[in-house]
Amino acid sequence: MNAILQMANEQTVERQLLIRRLRQSRDCFVGSLADVPEELCRVRPSDDRWSAIDCVEHIVIAEIAWHVRLQGRQPVIEPIDRAKDEFVNRVADRTEKRSAPERAWPKGRYATLAKAAQEFRAARARTIAFAEHTNENFRGFSVEHALGVLDIHQFLLLAAAHAECHAKQIEEIKASAAYRAALRK
C-alpha cells in the first residue's frame, strides 16, 4: 500500500509541476507580445520568416488541434519511454529551427494582435483546465503526434515548450533589423 501512495504522490507532484510550466509558458509567450504595437505585429525579419502575429496564429492552431487530440487519447498499451520528456523539452530550443506542418501555418486569420493573443489565452486556458481537472494518470494515456506516440504528460510538456519556443522567436523578430527599422519610422 505504501508504494501505491508514493506513486500517487509522485503523479500529483508531476502534475503540479506540469501545470505550473503551462502557466509560466503562457505568461512568457504573452509577455513577449507586450511591447509589440499593432502597427508592427506583421513585420517579418525576412520574406521567409514569420511575424509576431503569425507566431500567435500558429500557436493557436496548434493548441486547438492538440486539445482535440487530447479528447481522443488512448490508454497506453506499452510504457512510453520517459527519455522522450527531455526530447520534448528541447522543442523550446531555437538553435535548431524546425518547420511546422503546413496545416499549422498562419493564414492571416486575425485582424489584430490583441485578438490573436486573446485566442491564445483562451486556448491555453482550455489546456490548463484539462491538466487541472482530468483525473487520469497522464502517464497511462497517449496520443499520436508528429514526434511519435507521446503520453499525456509529454504532450502537455510539448505545449509548454512550444509556447516557450515561439516566445523566443518573437524576441528574435523584435531584435531583427527589419523590426528595428520599422520601429524607427
N, C-alpha and C. Protein backbone atom coordinates (compact mmCIF):
# COMPACT_ATOMS: atom_id res chain seq x y z
N MET A 1 0.82 -1.21 0.00
CA MET A 1 0.00 0.00 0.00
C MET A 1 0.86 1.26 0.00
N ASN A 2 1.98 1.21 0.67
CA ASN A 2 2.89 2.35 0.72
C ASN A 2 3.38 2.74 -0.67
N ALA A 3 3.68 1.76 -1.52
CA ALA A 3 4.15 2.01 -2.89
C ALA A 3 3.07 2.70 -3.70
N ILE A 4 1.81 2.33 -3.49
CA ILE A 4 0.70 2.95 -4.22
C ILE A 4 0.57 4.42 -3.82
N LEU A 5 0.66 4.71 -2.52
CA LEU A 5 0.59 6.10 -2.05
C LEU A 5 1.76 6.92 -2.58
N GLN A 6 2.94 6.31 -2.60
CA GLN A 6 4.10 7.02 -3.12
C GLN A 6 3.93 7.33 -4.61
N MET A 7 3.41 6.37 -5.40
CA MET A 7 3.19 6.60 -6.81
C MET A 7 2.14 7.69 -7.03
N ALA A 8 1.07 7.67 -6.25
CA ALA A 8 0.03 8.68 -6.35
C ALA A 8 0.59 10.06 -6.01
N ASN A 9 1.45 10.12 -4.98
CA ASN A 9 2.08 11.38 -4.60
C ASN A 9 3.00 11.89 -5.71
N GLU A 10 3.77 11.00 -6.33
CA GLU A 10 4.66 11.38 -7.43
C GLU A 10 3.85 11.91 -8.61
N GLN A 11 2.73 11.27 -8.91
CA GLN A 11 1.87 11.73 -10.00
C GLN A 11 1.31 13.12 -9.71
N THR A 12 0.93 13.35 -8.46
CA THR A 12 0.39 14.66 -8.07
C THR A 12 1.45 15.74 -8.21
N VAL A 13 2.65 15.47 -7.73
CA VAL A 13 3.75 16.44 -7.83
C VAL A 13 4.09 16.70 -9.29
N GLU A 14 4.18 15.65 -10.09
CA GLU A 14 4.49 15.79 -11.51
C GLU A 14 3.43 16.63 -12.21
N ARG A 15 2.16 16.40 -11.89
CA ARG A 15 1.07 17.16 -12.49
C ARG A 15 1.14 18.64 -12.08
N GLN A 16 1.42 18.90 -10.80
CA GLN A 16 1.51 20.28 -10.33
C GLN A 16 2.64 21.03 -11.04
N LEU A 17 3.76 20.35 -11.21
CA LEU A 17 4.89 20.97 -11.92
C LEU A 17 4.53 21.24 -13.37
N LEU A 18 3.82 20.32 -13.99
CA LEU A 18 3.40 20.48 -15.38
C LEU A 18 2.44 21.66 -15.52
N ILE A 19 1.48 21.76 -14.63
CA ILE A 19 0.52 22.87 -14.67
C ILE A 19 1.25 24.20 -14.47
N ARG A 20 2.21 24.22 -13.56
CA ARG A 20 2.99 25.44 -13.36
C ARG A 20 3.74 25.81 -14.64
N ARG A 21 4.32 24.81 -15.30
CA ARG A 21 5.06 25.06 -16.55
C ARG A 21 4.12 25.56 -17.65
N LEU A 22 2.91 25.03 -17.74
CA LEU A 22 1.94 25.51 -18.72
C LEU A 22 1.60 26.98 -18.46
N ARG A 23 1.43 27.32 -17.20
CA ARG A 23 1.13 28.72 -16.86
C ARG A 23 2.32 29.64 -17.14
N GLN A 24 3.51 29.19 -16.75
CA GLN A 24 4.71 30.00 -16.97
C GLN A 24 4.96 30.22 -18.47
N SER A 25 4.77 29.18 -19.26
CA SER A 25 4.99 29.33 -20.70
C SER A 25 3.94 30.24 -21.32
N ARG A 26 2.71 30.17 -20.80
CA ARG A 26 1.67 31.11 -21.25
C ARG A 26 2.10 32.54 -20.96
N ASP A 27 2.55 32.77 -19.73
CA ASP A 27 2.95 34.12 -19.33
C ASP A 27 4.16 34.60 -20.12
N CYS A 28 5.10 33.70 -20.37
CA CYS A 28 6.28 34.04 -21.16
C CYS A 28 5.89 34.42 -22.58
N PHE A 29 5.00 33.63 -23.17
CA PHE A 29 4.57 33.91 -24.55
C PHE A 29 3.80 35.23 -24.62
N VAL A 30 2.84 35.41 -23.75
CA VAL A 30 2.06 36.65 -23.74
C VAL A 30 2.98 37.84 -23.43
N GLY A 31 3.92 37.64 -22.53
CA GLY A 31 4.87 38.71 -22.19
C GLY A 31 5.73 39.12 -23.38
N SER A 32 6.06 38.17 -24.25
CA SER A 32 6.87 38.50 -25.43
C SER A 32 6.11 39.41 -26.39
N LEU A 33 4.80 39.43 -26.26
CA LEU A 33 3.96 40.26 -27.14
C LEU A 33 3.67 41.64 -26.55
N ALA A 34 3.95 41.81 -25.28
CA ALA A 34 3.52 43.00 -24.55
C ALA A 34 3.99 44.31 -25.17
N ASP A 35 5.20 44.32 -25.71
CA ASP A 35 5.72 45.56 -26.28
C ASP A 35 5.70 45.57 -27.80
N VAL A 36 4.88 44.71 -28.40
CA VAL A 36 4.72 44.71 -29.86
C VAL A 36 3.48 45.53 -30.19
N PRO A 37 3.65 46.71 -30.78
CA PRO A 37 2.48 47.51 -31.14
C PRO A 37 1.75 46.89 -32.34
N GLU A 38 0.47 47.13 -32.42
CA GLU A 38 -0.33 46.59 -33.53
C GLU A 38 0.29 46.92 -34.89
N GLU A 39 0.81 48.13 -35.03
CA GLU A 39 1.35 48.53 -36.35
C GLU A 39 2.63 47.79 -36.72
N LEU A 40 3.25 47.07 -35.77
CA LEU A 40 4.47 46.32 -36.07
C LEU A 40 4.28 44.80 -35.97
N CYS A 41 3.08 44.37 -35.66
CA CYS A 41 2.87 42.93 -35.43
C CYS A 41 3.01 42.09 -36.69
N ARG A 42 2.99 42.71 -37.86
CA ARG A 42 3.11 41.96 -39.12
C ARG A 42 4.50 42.09 -39.75
N VAL A 43 5.42 42.75 -39.06
CA VAL A 43 6.78 42.89 -39.58
C VAL A 43 7.46 41.53 -39.53
N ARG A 44 8.06 41.16 -40.66
CA ARG A 44 8.79 39.89 -40.76
C ARG A 44 10.27 40.20 -40.91
N PRO A 45 11.12 39.46 -40.21
CA PRO A 45 12.57 39.68 -40.34
C PRO A 45 13.06 39.48 -41.77
N SER A 46 12.39 38.60 -42.52
CA SER A 46 12.66 38.39 -43.94
C SER A 46 11.40 37.76 -44.55
N ASP A 47 11.37 37.68 -45.85
CA ASP A 47 10.16 37.19 -46.53
C ASP A 47 9.80 35.76 -46.15
N ASP A 48 10.79 34.97 -45.79
CA ASP A 48 10.54 33.56 -45.47
C ASP A 48 10.39 33.29 -43.97
N ARG A 49 10.25 34.34 -43.17
CA ARG A 49 10.11 34.19 -41.71
C ARG A 49 8.75 34.71 -41.28
N TRP A 50 8.31 34.29 -40.12
CA TRP A 50 7.02 34.71 -39.60
C TRP A 50 7.12 36.01 -38.81
N SER A 51 6.00 36.71 -38.76
CA SER A 51 5.85 37.91 -37.93
C SER A 51 5.35 37.48 -36.55
N ALA A 52 5.24 38.44 -35.64
CA ALA A 52 4.72 38.14 -34.30
C ALA A 52 3.28 37.62 -34.37
N ILE A 53 2.45 38.24 -35.18
CA ILE A 53 1.05 37.79 -35.28
C ILE A 53 0.98 36.42 -35.94
N ASP A 54 1.91 36.13 -36.85
CA ASP A 54 1.96 34.79 -37.45
C ASP A 54 2.27 33.74 -36.38
N CYS A 55 3.21 34.05 -35.50
CA CYS A 55 3.57 33.12 -34.41
C CYS A 55 2.37 32.85 -33.52
N VAL A 56 1.63 33.89 -33.19
CA VAL A 56 0.46 33.71 -32.32
C VAL A 56 -0.58 32.85 -33.02
N GLU A 57 -0.85 33.14 -34.28
CA GLU A 57 -1.84 32.35 -35.01
C GLU A 57 -1.43 30.88 -35.05
N HIS A 58 -0.17 30.63 -35.32
CA HIS A 58 0.34 29.26 -35.36
C HIS A 58 0.14 28.55 -34.01
N ILE A 59 0.47 29.23 -32.93
CA ILE A 59 0.31 28.64 -31.60
C ILE A 59 -1.16 28.32 -31.32
N VAL A 60 -2.05 29.22 -31.72
CA VAL A 60 -3.48 28.98 -31.51
C VAL A 60 -3.93 27.75 -32.30
N ILE A 61 -3.52 27.66 -33.55
CA ILE A 61 -3.87 26.50 -34.38
C ILE A 61 -3.40 25.22 -33.69
N ALA A 62 -2.16 25.23 -33.23
CA ALA A 62 -1.59 24.04 -32.58
C ALA A 62 -2.33 23.69 -31.30
N GLU A 63 -2.57 24.67 -30.44
CA GLU A 63 -3.24 24.40 -29.16
C GLU A 63 -4.64 23.83 -29.38
N ILE A 64 -5.37 24.38 -30.34
CA ILE A 64 -6.72 23.88 -30.61
C ILE A 64 -6.66 22.45 -31.14
N ALA A 65 -5.75 22.19 -32.07
CA ALA A 65 -5.61 20.84 -32.62
C ALA A 65 -5.18 19.86 -31.54
N TRP A 66 -4.28 20.29 -30.67
CA TRP A 66 -3.80 19.40 -29.61
C TRP A 66 -4.92 19.09 -28.62
N HIS A 67 -5.77 20.07 -28.36
CA HIS A 67 -6.88 19.82 -27.45
C HIS A 67 -7.81 18.75 -28.03
N VAL A 68 -8.03 18.79 -29.32
CA VAL A 68 -8.85 17.76 -29.98
C VAL A 68 -8.18 16.40 -29.81
N ARG A 69 -6.86 16.35 -30.00
CA ARG A 69 -6.14 15.08 -29.82
C ARG A 69 -6.26 14.57 -28.39
N LEU A 70 -6.22 15.47 -27.43
CA LEU A 70 -6.36 15.06 -26.03
C LEU A 70 -7.70 14.38 -25.79
N GLN A 71 -8.73 14.86 -26.47
CA GLN A 71 -10.06 14.26 -26.30
C GLN A 71 -10.09 12.83 -26.85
N GLY A 72 -9.21 12.52 -27.79
CA GLY A 72 -9.15 11.18 -28.37
C GLY A 72 -8.05 10.32 -27.80
N ARG A 73 -7.55 10.68 -26.63
CA ARG A 73 -6.45 9.92 -26.02
C ARG A 73 -6.83 8.46 -25.83
N GLN A 74 -5.81 7.62 -25.87
CA GLN A 74 -6.00 6.18 -25.73
C GLN A 74 -5.16 5.66 -24.56
N PRO A 75 -5.62 4.60 -23.92
CA PRO A 75 -4.80 4.01 -22.86
C PRO A 75 -3.46 3.54 -23.45
N VAL A 76 -2.41 3.71 -22.68
CA VAL A 76 -1.08 3.26 -23.09
C VAL A 76 -1.07 1.74 -23.07
N ILE A 77 -0.64 1.15 -24.18
CA ILE A 77 -0.55 -0.31 -24.26
C ILE A 77 0.83 -0.75 -23.78
N GLU A 78 1.85 -0.08 -24.26
CA GLU A 78 3.23 -0.33 -23.81
C GLU A 78 3.74 0.94 -23.15
N PRO A 79 4.50 0.80 -22.07
CA PRO A 79 5.03 2.01 -21.41
C PRO A 79 5.80 2.88 -22.41
N ILE A 80 5.58 4.18 -22.31
CA ILE A 80 6.26 5.12 -23.20
C ILE A 80 7.55 5.55 -22.54
N ASP A 81 8.58 5.62 -23.34
CA ASP A 81 9.92 5.95 -22.85
C ASP A 81 9.93 7.34 -22.24
N ARG A 82 10.26 7.42 -20.96
CA ARG A 82 10.31 8.73 -20.29
C ARG A 82 11.48 9.58 -20.76
N ALA A 83 12.41 8.99 -21.48
CA ALA A 83 13.50 9.78 -22.07
C ALA A 83 12.94 10.77 -23.08
N LYS A 84 11.74 10.51 -23.58
CA LYS A 84 11.10 11.45 -24.51
C LYS A 84 10.78 12.78 -23.82
N ASP A 85 10.68 12.77 -22.50
CA ASP A 85 10.43 14.02 -21.78
C ASP A 85 11.50 15.05 -22.14
N GLU A 86 12.76 14.62 -22.10
CA GLU A 86 13.86 15.53 -22.40
C GLU A 86 13.85 15.94 -23.87
N PHE A 87 13.54 15.01 -24.75
CA PHE A 87 13.43 15.32 -26.17
C PHE A 87 12.36 16.38 -26.41
N VAL A 88 11.21 16.21 -25.78
CA VAL A 88 10.11 17.17 -25.92
C VAL A 88 10.52 18.53 -25.36
N ASN A 89 11.24 18.54 -24.26
CA ASN A 89 11.71 19.80 -23.68
C ASN A 89 12.60 20.58 -24.64
N ARG A 90 13.32 19.87 -25.49
CA ARG A 90 14.23 20.53 -26.44
C ARG A 90 13.50 21.28 -27.54
N VAL A 91 12.19 21.12 -27.63
CA VAL A 91 11.40 21.88 -28.61
C VAL A 91 11.57 23.38 -28.36
N ALA A 92 11.77 23.77 -27.11
CA ALA A 92 11.92 25.19 -26.78
C ALA A 92 13.25 25.77 -27.28
N ASP A 93 14.18 24.92 -27.64
CA ASP A 93 15.50 25.35 -28.10
C ASP A 93 15.42 25.84 -29.55
N ARG A 94 15.80 27.07 -29.78
CA ARG A 94 15.71 27.66 -31.13
C ARG A 94 17.01 27.51 -31.92
N THR A 95 18.02 26.83 -31.39
CA THR A 95 19.27 26.69 -32.14
C THR A 95 19.08 25.79 -33.35
N GLU A 96 18.13 24.87 -33.25
CA GLU A 96 17.81 24.01 -34.39
C GLU A 96 16.39 24.35 -34.83
N LYS A 97 16.27 25.08 -35.94
CA LYS A 97 14.96 25.51 -36.42
C LYS A 97 14.20 24.32 -37.01
N ARG A 98 12.90 24.31 -36.77
CA ARG A 98 12.03 23.27 -37.31
C ARG A 98 10.93 23.93 -38.13
N SER A 99 10.40 23.19 -39.07
CA SER A 99 9.28 23.69 -39.86
C SER A 99 7.99 23.09 -39.34
N ALA A 100 6.99 23.92 -39.22
CA ALA A 100 5.67 23.45 -38.80
C ALA A 100 5.00 22.74 -39.97
N PRO A 101 4.12 21.80 -39.67
CA PRO A 101 3.35 21.19 -40.76
C PRO A 101 2.47 22.25 -41.42
N GLU A 102 2.25 22.11 -42.68
CA GLU A 102 1.51 23.12 -43.43
C GLU A 102 0.14 23.43 -42.82
N ARG A 103 -0.52 22.43 -42.25
CA ARG A 103 -1.84 22.67 -41.65
C ARG A 103 -1.78 23.64 -40.47
N ALA A 104 -0.58 23.86 -39.93
CA ALA A 104 -0.43 24.77 -38.78
C ALA A 104 0.19 26.11 -39.19
N TRP A 105 0.33 26.35 -40.48
CA TRP A 105 0.89 27.62 -40.94
C TRP A 105 -0.14 28.73 -40.77
N PRO A 106 0.33 29.92 -40.43
CA PRO A 106 -0.59 31.06 -40.32
C PRO A 106 -1.12 31.47 -41.69
N LYS A 107 -2.37 31.91 -41.69
CA LYS A 107 -3.01 32.32 -42.94
C LYS A 107 -3.66 33.70 -42.82
N GLY A 108 -3.34 34.44 -41.78
CA GLY A 108 -3.91 35.78 -41.62
C GLY A 108 -5.32 35.78 -41.07
N ARG A 109 -5.60 34.87 -40.15
CA ARG A 109 -6.95 34.73 -39.60
C ARG A 109 -7.35 35.88 -38.66
N TYR A 110 -6.37 36.57 -38.09
CA TYR A 110 -6.68 37.58 -37.08
C TYR A 110 -6.40 38.98 -37.59
N ALA A 111 -7.35 39.86 -37.35
CA ALA A 111 -7.21 41.25 -37.78
C ALA A 111 -6.25 42.02 -36.90
N THR A 112 -6.18 41.62 -35.62
CA THR A 112 -5.32 42.34 -34.68
C THR A 112 -4.52 41.37 -33.83
N LEU A 113 -3.38 41.86 -33.35
CA LEU A 113 -2.57 41.08 -32.44
C LEU A 113 -3.32 40.84 -31.13
N ALA A 114 -4.07 41.84 -30.70
CA ALA A 114 -4.85 41.71 -29.46
C ALA A 114 -5.84 40.55 -29.56
N LYS A 115 -6.52 40.42 -30.69
CA LYS A 115 -7.48 39.32 -30.87
C LYS A 115 -6.75 37.97 -30.92
N ALA A 116 -5.63 37.91 -31.61
CA ALA A 116 -4.85 36.67 -31.69
C ALA A 116 -4.37 36.26 -30.30
N ALA A 117 -3.86 37.22 -29.52
CA ALA A 117 -3.39 36.94 -28.17
C ALA A 117 -4.55 36.48 -27.27
N GLN A 118 -5.71 37.07 -27.44
CA GLN A 118 -6.90 36.66 -26.69
C GLN A 118 -7.25 35.20 -27.01
N GLU A 119 -7.15 34.83 -28.28
CA GLU A 119 -7.44 33.45 -28.68
C GLU A 119 -6.40 32.48 -28.10
N PHE A 120 -5.14 32.92 -28.05
CA PHE A 120 -4.12 32.07 -27.43
C PHE A 120 -4.44 31.85 -25.96
N ARG A 121 -4.74 32.93 -25.25
CA ARG A 121 -5.05 32.80 -23.81
C ARG A 121 -6.23 31.86 -23.59
N ALA A 122 -7.25 31.94 -24.45
CA ALA A 122 -8.41 31.07 -24.31
C ALA A 122 -8.04 29.61 -24.58
N ALA A 123 -7.25 29.38 -25.62
CA ALA A 123 -6.83 28.01 -25.95
C ALA A 123 -5.96 27.44 -24.83
N ARG A 124 -5.04 28.24 -24.31
CA ARG A 124 -4.17 27.76 -23.24
C ARG A 124 -4.99 27.53 -21.96
N ALA A 125 -6.01 28.35 -21.73
CA ALA A 125 -6.87 28.13 -20.55
C ALA A 125 -7.54 26.76 -20.64
N ARG A 126 -7.95 26.35 -21.84
CA ARG A 126 -8.55 25.02 -22.01
C ARG A 126 -7.53 23.92 -21.73
N THR A 127 -6.29 24.15 -22.18
CA THR A 127 -5.23 23.16 -21.95
C THR A 127 -4.95 23.03 -20.45
N ILE A 128 -4.85 24.15 -19.77
CA ILE A 128 -4.60 24.14 -18.32
C ILE A 128 -5.77 23.50 -17.59
N ALA A 129 -7.00 23.82 -18.00
CA ALA A 129 -8.17 23.22 -17.36
C ALA A 129 -8.16 21.70 -17.53
N PHE A 130 -7.76 21.24 -18.70
CA PHE A 130 -7.64 19.79 -18.91
C PHE A 130 -6.65 19.21 -17.91
N ALA A 131 -5.50 19.84 -17.78
CA ALA A 131 -4.46 19.33 -16.87
C ALA A 131 -4.93 19.35 -15.41
N GLU A 132 -5.70 20.37 -15.06
CA GLU A 132 -6.16 20.50 -13.67
C GLU A 132 -7.32 19.56 -13.33
N HIS A 133 -8.17 19.29 -14.30
CA HIS A 133 -9.44 18.61 -13.97
C HIS A 133 -9.55 17.18 -14.50
N THR A 134 -8.56 16.71 -15.23
CA THR A 134 -8.59 15.33 -15.69
C THR A 134 -7.96 14.47 -14.61
N ASN A 135 -8.68 13.49 -14.15
CA ASN A 135 -8.21 12.69 -13.02
C ASN A 135 -7.36 11.50 -13.42
N GLU A 136 -7.16 11.30 -14.70
CA GLU A 136 -6.39 10.15 -15.16
C GLU A 136 -4.90 10.34 -14.91
N ASN A 137 -4.20 9.22 -14.82
CA ASN A 137 -2.74 9.23 -14.77
C ASN A 137 -2.24 9.63 -16.15
N PHE A 138 -1.56 10.76 -16.25
CA PHE A 138 -1.10 11.25 -17.56
C PHE A 138 -0.10 10.31 -18.22
N ARG A 139 0.55 9.48 -17.43
CA ARG A 139 1.50 8.51 -18.00
C ARG A 139 0.77 7.27 -18.52
N GLY A 140 -0.51 7.16 -18.23
CA GLY A 140 -1.29 5.99 -18.62
C GLY A 140 -2.10 6.15 -19.88
N PHE A 141 -2.03 7.35 -20.51
CA PHE A 141 -2.77 7.61 -21.75
C PHE A 141 -1.83 8.26 -22.75
N SER A 142 -2.12 8.04 -24.02
CA SER A 142 -1.23 8.56 -25.05
C SER A 142 -2.00 9.17 -26.21
N VAL A 143 -1.26 9.92 -27.02
CA VAL A 143 -1.78 10.49 -28.26
C VAL A 143 -0.69 10.37 -29.33
N GLU A 144 -1.14 10.37 -30.57
CA GLU A 144 -0.21 10.38 -31.70
C GLU A 144 0.17 11.82 -32.00
N HIS A 145 1.42 12.03 -32.32
CA HIS A 145 1.92 13.35 -32.70
C HIS A 145 2.98 13.14 -33.76
N ALA A 146 3.32 14.20 -34.47
CA ALA A 146 4.39 14.11 -35.48
C ALA A 146 5.70 13.63 -34.86
N LEU A 147 5.89 13.87 -33.57
CA LEU A 147 7.09 13.42 -32.87
C LEU A 147 7.01 11.95 -32.45
N GLY A 148 5.86 11.33 -32.70
CA GLY A 148 5.65 9.94 -32.31
C GLY A 148 4.56 9.84 -31.25
N VAL A 149 4.43 8.67 -30.67
CA VAL A 149 3.44 8.47 -29.61
C VAL A 149 3.99 9.10 -28.33
N LEU A 150 3.18 9.98 -27.75
CA LEU A 150 3.55 10.66 -26.51
C LEU A 150 2.51 10.35 -25.45
N ASP A 151 2.97 10.19 -24.21
CA ASP A 151 1.97 10.10 -23.14
C ASP A 151 1.44 11.51 -22.89
N ILE A 152 0.37 11.62 -22.16
CA ILE A 152 -0.28 12.91 -21.96
C ILE A 152 0.65 13.91 -21.25
N HIS A 153 1.44 13.42 -20.32
CA HIS A 153 2.41 14.30 -19.66
C HIS A 153 3.35 14.90 -20.71
N GLN A 154 3.90 14.08 -21.57
CA GLN A 154 4.82 14.56 -22.60
C GLN A 154 4.12 15.50 -23.57
N PHE A 155 2.88 15.19 -23.89
CA PHE A 155 2.11 16.01 -24.82
C PHE A 155 1.88 17.41 -24.25
N LEU A 156 1.54 17.48 -22.97
CA LEU A 156 1.34 18.79 -22.34
C LEU A 156 2.67 19.51 -22.14
N LEU A 157 3.72 18.76 -21.89
CA LEU A 157 5.06 19.33 -21.82
C LEU A 157 5.43 19.95 -23.16
N LEU A 158 5.03 19.29 -24.24
CA LEU A 158 5.25 19.81 -25.58
C LEU A 158 4.53 21.14 -25.77
N ALA A 159 3.31 21.24 -25.29
CA ALA A 159 2.55 22.50 -25.41
C ALA A 159 3.29 23.64 -24.72
N ALA A 160 3.84 23.36 -23.55
CA ALA A 160 4.59 24.39 -22.82
C ALA A 160 5.87 24.76 -23.58
N ALA A 161 6.61 23.78 -24.01
CA ALA A 161 7.87 24.03 -24.73
C ALA A 161 7.61 24.76 -26.04
N HIS A 162 6.51 24.44 -26.69
CA HIS A 162 6.15 25.08 -27.97
C HIS A 162 5.92 26.58 -27.78
N ALA A 163 5.20 26.94 -26.73
CA ALA A 163 4.97 28.37 -26.45
C ALA A 163 6.27 29.07 -26.10
N GLU A 164 7.14 28.40 -25.34
CA GLU A 164 8.44 28.98 -24.99
C GLU A 164 9.28 29.21 -26.25
N CYS A 165 9.24 28.26 -27.16
CA CYS A 165 9.99 28.37 -28.41
C CYS A 165 9.54 29.61 -29.20
N HIS A 166 8.23 29.78 -29.31
CA HIS A 166 7.73 30.90 -30.10
C HIS A 166 7.86 32.24 -29.36
N ALA A 167 7.92 32.22 -28.05
CA ALA A 167 8.25 33.45 -27.31
C ALA A 167 9.66 33.89 -27.68
N LYS A 168 10.57 32.93 -27.77
CA LYS A 168 11.95 33.24 -28.19
C LYS A 168 11.97 33.74 -29.62
N GLN A 169 11.14 33.14 -30.47
CA GLN A 169 11.09 33.59 -31.86
C GLN A 169 10.59 35.04 -31.94
N ILE A 170 9.62 35.39 -31.14
CA ILE A 170 9.13 36.77 -31.13
C ILE A 170 10.22 37.72 -30.66
N GLU A 171 11.01 37.31 -29.68
CA GLU A 171 12.15 38.14 -29.26
C GLU A 171 13.15 38.31 -30.40
N GLU A 172 13.37 37.25 -31.18
CA GLU A 172 14.25 37.35 -32.35
C GLU A 172 13.68 38.31 -33.39
N ILE A 173 12.38 38.26 -33.58
CA ILE A 173 11.72 39.18 -34.52
C ILE A 173 11.95 40.62 -34.08
N LYS A 174 11.75 40.88 -32.79
CA LYS A 174 11.90 42.25 -32.27
C LYS A 174 13.35 42.73 -32.34
N ALA A 175 14.29 41.80 -32.35
CA ALA A 175 15.71 42.16 -32.44
C ALA A 175 16.18 42.27 -33.89
N SER A 176 15.33 41.91 -34.84
CA SER A 176 15.74 41.90 -36.25
C SER A 176 15.89 43.32 -36.81
N ALA A 177 16.70 43.43 -37.82
CA ALA A 177 16.92 44.72 -38.49
C ALA A 177 15.62 45.26 -39.08
N ALA A 178 14.80 44.40 -39.65
CA ALA A 178 13.54 44.83 -40.23
C ALA A 178 12.61 45.43 -39.18
N TYR A 179 12.53 44.80 -38.03
CA TYR A 179 11.66 45.28 -36.96
C TYR A 179 12.20 46.61 -36.41
N ARG A 180 13.50 46.65 -36.16
CA ARG A 180 14.09 47.90 -35.63
C ARG A 180 13.92 49.06 -36.60
N ALA A 181 14.04 48.78 -37.91
CA ALA A 181 13.84 49.83 -38.91
C ALA A 181 12.38 50.30 -38.90
N ALA A 182 11.46 49.37 -38.81
CA ALA A 182 10.03 49.73 -38.77
C ALA A 182 9.70 50.50 -37.50
N LEU A 183 10.37 50.18 -36.41
CA LEU A 183 10.16 50.85 -35.14
C LEU A 183 10.58 52.32 -35.20
N ARG A 184 11.62 52.60 -35.98
CA ARG A 184 12.12 53.98 -36.10
C ARG A 184 11.25 54.87 -36.98
N LYS A 185 10.41 54.27 -37.79
CA LYS A 185 9.58 55.07 -38.74
C LYS A 185 8.54 55.86 -38.02
